[in-house]
Amino acid sequence: MTSDEIRINVEKALDEIRPFLQSDGGDISLVSIDNGSSVKVKLEGNCIGCSVNQMTLKSGVEMTIKKYVPQIEEVINIS
């Protein structure tokens, strides 16, 4: 996968999970993709102070991104 394809697929993954975050008053944005294997995102709105945001990040966001881009090794929240 080219770097452009990786970015497009990561954005597709974020678009898939964004409605769930928005329904709780939050959101997510892509910050960067490093070395084609590490994705940095920023949780926004209610997601910032949410006590389950690490669970959301790992079980929701990371799993969905890996479904679209299997070579992604980690997803990091930089909020």
Protein backbone atom coordinates (compact mmCIF):
# COMPACT_ATOMS: atom_id res chain seq x y z
CA MET A 1 0.00 0.00 0.00
CA THR A 2 1.31 3.45 -0.86
CA SER A 3 1.37 6.20 1.75
CA ASP A 4 -1.59 7.87 0.02
CA GLU A 5 -3.57 4.61 0.12
CA ILE A 6 -2.74 4.17 3.80
CA ARG A 7 -3.95 7.71 4.59
CA ILE A 8 -7.17 7.21 2.58
CA ASN A 9 -7.91 3.91 4.33
CA VAL A 10 -7.16 5.32 7.79
CA GLU A 11 -9.57 8.18 7.04
CA LYS A 12 -12.19 5.62 5.94
CA ALA A 13 -11.74 3.82 9.26
CA LEU A 14 -12.11 7.08 11.20
CA ASP A 15 -15.24 7.92 9.18
CA GLU A 16 -16.69 4.55 10.22
CA ILE A 17 -16.21 5.16 13.94
CA ARG A 18 -16.76 8.93 14.01
CA PRO A 19 -20.60 8.70 14.32
CA PHE A 20 -20.26 6.64 17.51
CA LEU A 21 -17.90 9.21 19.04
CA GLN A 22 -20.08 12.11 17.90
CA SER A 23 -23.17 10.52 19.46
CA ASP A 24 -21.39 10.91 22.82
CA GLY A 25 -20.31 14.50 22.09
CA GLY A 26 -16.80 13.62 20.93
CA ASP A 27 -14.84 13.34 17.74
CA ILE A 28 -11.50 12.18 16.38
CA SER A 29 -9.03 13.59 13.89
CA LEU A 30 -5.99 12.15 12.17
CA VAL A 31 -2.75 13.87 13.17
CA SER A 32 -0.13 11.80 11.34
CA ILE A 33 0.92 8.41 10.05
CA ASP A 34 4.54 7.60 10.84
CA ASN A 35 6.57 5.02 8.90
CA GLY A 36 3.36 3.47 7.57
CA SER A 37 2.89 1.64 10.87
CA SER A 38 1.99 4.14 13.59
CA VAL A 39 -1.09 6.35 13.55
CA LYS A 40 -1.44 9.42 15.75
CA VAL A 41 -4.97 10.67 16.39
CA LYS A 42 -6.49 13.36 18.53
CA LEU A 43 -9.63 12.58 20.53
CA GLU A 44 -11.79 15.69 20.81
CA GLY A 45 -14.82 17.01 22.68
CA ASN A 46 -16.22 14.75 25.39
CA CYS A 47 -13.70 12.07 24.42
CA ILE A 48 -10.89 14.10 26.01
CA GLY A 49 -12.08 13.72 29.58
CA CYS A 50 -13.88 10.42 29.15
CA SER A 51 -12.72 7.75 31.58
CA VAL A 52 -13.03 5.04 28.92
CA ASN A 53 -11.10 6.83 26.16
CA GLN A 54 -8.16 4.40 26.32
CA MET A 55 -10.56 1.49 25.94
CA THR A 56 -12.28 3.32 23.07
CA LEU A 57 -8.90 3.97 21.47
CA LYS A 58 -7.71 0.37 21.69
CA SER A 59 -10.86 -1.66 21.17
CA GLY A 60 -12.68 0.69 18.81
CA VAL A 61 -10.33 2.99 16.96
CA GLU A 62 -7.25 0.76 16.70
CA MET A 63 -9.26 -2.33 15.76
CA THR A 64 -11.15 -0.46 13.03
CA ILE A 65 -8.00 1.12 11.59
CA LYS A 66 -6.27 -2.29 11.51
CA LYS A 67 -9.27 -3.71 9.66
CA TYR A 68 -8.65 -1.18 6.87
CA VAL A 69 -4.83 -1.09 7.10
CA PRO A 70 -3.49 -4.35 8.60
CA GLN A 71 0.13 -3.17 8.72
CA ILE A 72 -0.68 -0.49 11.31
CA GLU A 73 0.99 -1.57 14.54
CA GLU A 74 -0.21 1.09 16.96
CA VAL A 75 -2.62 3.97 17.36
CA ILE A 76 -1.60 6.76 19.72
CA ASN A 77 -3.82 9.49 21.12
CA ILE A 78 -1.91 12.77 21.37
CA SER A 79 -4.59 14.86 23.17
